[in-house]
Amino acid sequence: MTVMQYVALACRCALGVVFLMAVFGKVRGREAFLAFRASVPDMVPLATGRATPLSVAVILAEACVVVLLTVQWTVPAGFVLAGAVLLAFYAGIARVVRSGSRTPCRCFGATATPLSGRHLIRNAGLLAVTATGGVAHLLTAPGDAHPAGVAIAMAGAGVLALTVVFFDDLADLFAGPPPTPGHL
């Protein structure tokens, strides 16, 4: 295996865990789903009654990313879908930030942290991981993997995924909570 194959593996695994945790955070209970559904109209202008179908579609798309990144021959489609979903999230978060709404981030479940510029940064980072993984995957041919290389790639993926999943907590720890509108 070449270095790029380990990079692709790390990106696949990190994105797979991030999207899996996002799905779990939204479907872990009725209240979690309802909270996510309630946040959707702030991110996307919807006609009345469209929040539930769009919320379900988001969860299904996230689950599809996980499955596509798991199967070797569907990995390119997984990277493409992950990029599309992340771009849509980026646009929705940007809409909330521009509006000044205090909509909480429901990316990984219940949190009181409102969407802010830091979430745009997080999603830009995830888009970079997606692009890097997709390019690395396309530039390499499958080959035998060395167990140490796989272990290092998996460890890196785990650290990256945990950093993304606990991004709000880490950002609050190092930078404090995001400012409230009018108190910048």
Protein backbone atom coordinates (compact mmCIF):
# COMPACT_ATOMS: atom_id res chain seq x y z
CA MET A 1 0.00 0.00 0.00
CA THR A 2 1.23 3.48 -0.76
CA VAL A 3 1.02 6.43 1.61
CA MET A 4 -1.94 7.80 -0.36
CA GLN A 5 -3.90 4.61 0.28
CA TYR A 6 -3.42 5.08 4.02
CA VAL A 7 -4.51 8.71 3.66
CA ALA A 8 -7.61 7.58 1.78
CA LEU A 9 -8.30 4.94 4.44
CA ALA A 10 -7.95 7.47 7.26
CA CYS A 11 -10.28 9.92 5.52
CA ARG A 12 -12.84 7.17 4.78
CA CYS A 13 -12.84 6.00 8.37
CA ALA A 14 -12.96 9.49 9.88
CA LEU A 15 -15.86 10.54 7.65
CA GLY A 16 -17.63 7.23 8.25
CA VAL A 17 -17.48 7.69 12.02
CA VAL A 18 -18.51 11.37 11.80
CA PHE A 19 -21.53 10.59 9.63
CA LEU A 20 -22.43 7.54 11.74
CA MET A 21 -22.37 9.65 14.90
CA ALA A 22 -24.47 12.30 13.14
CA VAL A 23 -27.09 9.70 12.24
CA PHE A 24 -27.06 8.25 15.75
CA GLY A 25 -27.38 11.71 17.31
CA LYS A 26 -30.51 12.41 15.31
CA VAL A 27 -32.26 9.03 15.70
CA ARG A 28 -31.28 8.03 19.23
CA GLY A 29 -34.76 8.92 20.43
CA ARG A 30 -37.96 10.73 19.55
CA GLU A 31 -36.88 13.92 21.30
CA ALA A 32 -33.56 14.00 19.44
CA PHE A 33 -35.30 13.64 16.09
CA LEU A 34 -37.91 16.27 16.96
CA ALA A 35 -35.17 18.69 18.04
CA PHE A 36 -33.31 18.11 14.77
CA ARG A 37 -36.51 18.52 12.75
CA ALA A 38 -37.27 21.78 14.57
CA SER A 39 -33.87 23.18 13.54
CA VAL A 40 -34.29 22.39 9.83
CA PRO A 41 -36.61 25.31 8.87
CA ASP A 42 -34.01 27.79 10.14
CA MET A 43 -31.43 26.26 7.80
CA VAL A 44 -33.62 25.80 4.72
CA PRO A 45 -36.62 27.88 3.67
CA LEU A 46 -39.42 25.33 3.55
CA ALA A 47 -43.09 25.23 2.79
CA THR A 48 -45.24 24.22 5.74
CA GLY A 49 -45.08 20.50 6.44
CA ARG A 50 -41.77 19.87 4.63
CA ALA A 51 -39.46 19.75 7.65
CA THR A 52 -40.12 16.10 8.44
CA PRO A 53 -39.47 14.73 4.92
CA LEU A 54 -36.31 16.83 4.59
CA SER A 55 -35.10 15.74 8.03
CA VAL A 56 -35.60 12.08 7.11
CA ALA A 57 -33.83 12.66 3.77
CA VAL A 58 -30.84 14.20 5.58
CA ILE A 59 -30.58 11.22 7.92
CA LEU A 60 -30.86 8.77 5.01
CA ALA A 61 -28.18 10.66 3.06
CA GLU A 62 -25.86 10.56 6.08
CA ALA A 63 -26.49 6.82 6.48
CA CYS A 64 -25.79 6.28 2.77
CA VAL A 65 -22.43 8.05 3.15
CA VAL A 66 -21.49 5.57 5.87
CA VAL A 67 -22.47 2.56 3.76
CA LEU A 68 -20.83 3.87 0.57
CA LEU A 69 -17.55 4.59 2.36
CA THR A 70 -17.55 1.08 3.84
CA VAL A 71 -17.66 -0.86 0.55
CA GLN A 72 -14.44 -0.60 -1.49
CA TRP A 73 -16.02 -0.27 -4.92
CA THR A 74 -18.53 2.42 -3.77
CA VAL A 75 -15.96 4.60 -2.00
CA PRO A 76 -15.82 7.26 -4.77
CA ALA A 77 -19.61 7.65 -4.59
CA GLY A 78 -19.31 7.90 -0.81
CA PHE A 79 -16.83 10.75 -1.06
CA VAL A 80 -19.02 12.54 -3.63
CA LEU A 81 -22.16 12.16 -1.50
CA ALA A 82 -20.28 13.24 1.64
CA GLY A 83 -19.10 16.36 -0.20
CA ALA A 84 -22.60 17.16 -1.43
CA VAL A 85 -24.12 16.71 2.03
CA LEU A 86 -21.40 18.81 3.65
CA LEU A 87 -21.86 21.59 1.07
CA ALA A 88 -25.60 21.60 1.79
CA PHE A 89 -24.89 21.77 5.53
CA TYR A 90 -22.42 24.59 4.95
CA ALA A 91 -25.06 26.56 3.04
CA GLY A 92 -27.66 25.94 5.76
CA ILE A 93 -25.30 26.95 8.55
CA ALA A 94 -24.30 30.08 6.61
CA ARG A 95 -27.99 30.97 6.28
CA VAL A 96 -28.48 30.66 10.04
CA VAL A 97 -25.34 32.67 10.82
CA ARG A 98 -26.35 35.47 8.41
CA SER A 99 -29.85 35.63 9.89
CA GLY A 100 -28.54 36.00 13.45
CA SER A 101 -30.75 33.12 14.58
CA ARG A 102 -29.78 31.26 17.76
CA THR A 103 -30.58 27.88 16.21
CA PRO A 104 -28.67 25.20 18.11
CA CYS A 105 -26.35 22.83 16.31
CA ARG A 106 -28.16 19.50 16.04
CA CYS A 107 -25.40 17.90 13.98
CA PHE A 108 -24.58 15.23 16.54
CA GLY A 109 -27.64 15.43 18.77
CA ALA A 110 -28.77 17.72 21.51
CA THR A 111 -26.63 20.73 22.28
CA ALA A 112 -27.38 24.26 23.35
CA THR A 113 -24.52 25.70 21.28
CA PRO A 114 -25.98 27.90 18.56
CA LEU A 115 -24.72 27.56 15.01
CA SER A 116 -21.95 30.06 14.36
CA GLY A 117 -18.89 30.72 12.25
CA ARG A 118 -17.04 27.96 14.06
CA HIS A 119 -19.43 25.44 12.53
CA LEU A 120 -18.62 26.81 9.09
CA ILE A 121 -14.93 26.25 9.88
CA ARG A 122 -15.67 22.70 11.08
CA ASN A 123 -17.57 21.90 7.89
CA ALA A 124 -14.85 23.47 5.72
CA GLY A 125 -12.40 21.14 7.46
CA LEU A 126 -14.66 18.17 6.76
CA LEU A 127 -14.91 19.22 3.13
CA ALA A 128 -11.09 19.29 3.01
CA VAL A 129 -10.96 15.77 4.48
CA THR A 130 -13.54 14.64 1.91
CA ALA A 131 -11.59 16.14 -1.01
CA THR A 132 -8.28 14.78 0.27
CA GLY A 133 -9.72 11.31 0.75
CA GLY A 134 -11.43 11.30 -2.63
CA VAL A 135 -8.30 12.41 -4.48
CA ALA A 136 -6.10 9.99 -2.54
CA HIS A 137 -8.50 7.14 -3.30
CA LEU A 138 -8.57 7.94 -7.01
CA LEU A 139 -4.78 8.25 -7.27
CA THR A 140 -4.02 4.84 -5.83
CA ALA A 141 -4.73 1.25 -6.74
CA PRO A 142 -5.75 -1.26 -4.10
CA GLY A 143 -2.87 -3.20 -2.62
CA ASP A 144 -1.80 -5.14 0.40
CA ALA A 145 -1.90 -3.11 3.57
CA HIS A 146 0.75 -3.30 6.24
CA PRO A 147 -0.88 -3.76 9.67
CA ALA A 148 1.18 -0.92 11.18
CA GLY A 149 0.09 1.46 8.42
CA VAL A 150 -3.55 0.49 8.89
CA ALA A 151 -3.23 0.98 12.65
CA ILE A 152 -1.74 4.44 12.20
CA ALA A 153 -4.42 5.40 9.65
CA MET A 154 -7.17 4.15 11.97
CA ALA A 155 -5.70 5.98 14.96
CA GLY A 156 -5.50 9.19 12.95
CA ALA A 157 -9.07 8.69 11.76
CA GLY A 158 -10.24 8.15 15.32
CA VAL A 159 -8.58 11.32 16.58
CA LEU A 160 -9.97 13.32 13.67
CA ALA A 161 -13.49 11.93 14.07
CA LEU A 162 -13.55 12.55 17.83
CA THR A 163 -12.27 16.10 17.27
CA VAL A 164 -15.15 16.76 14.88
CA VAL A 165 -17.81 15.08 17.00
CA PHE A 166 -16.73 16.97 20.13
CA PHE A 167 -15.88 20.16 18.22
CA ASP A 168 -18.31 22.34 20.18
CA ASP A 169 -16.91 21.15 23.50
CA LEU A 170 -13.31 21.67 22.36
CA ALA A 171 -14.08 25.11 20.92
CA ASP A 172 -15.82 26.15 24.15
CA LEU A 173 -12.84 24.87 26.14
CA PHE A 174 -10.24 26.77 24.16
CA ALA A 175 -12.13 29.81 22.86
CA GLY A 176 -15.15 30.10 25.12
CA PRO A 177 -18.76 29.96 23.96
CA PRO A 178 -19.63 31.81 20.76
CA PRO A 179 -20.70 35.43 21.28
CA THR A 180 -24.39 36.18 21.39
CA PRO A 181 -25.77 38.58 18.76
CA GLY A 182 -25.41 42.17 19.97
CA HIS A 183 -22.55 41.24 22.34
CA LEU A 184 -19.68 40.86 19.90
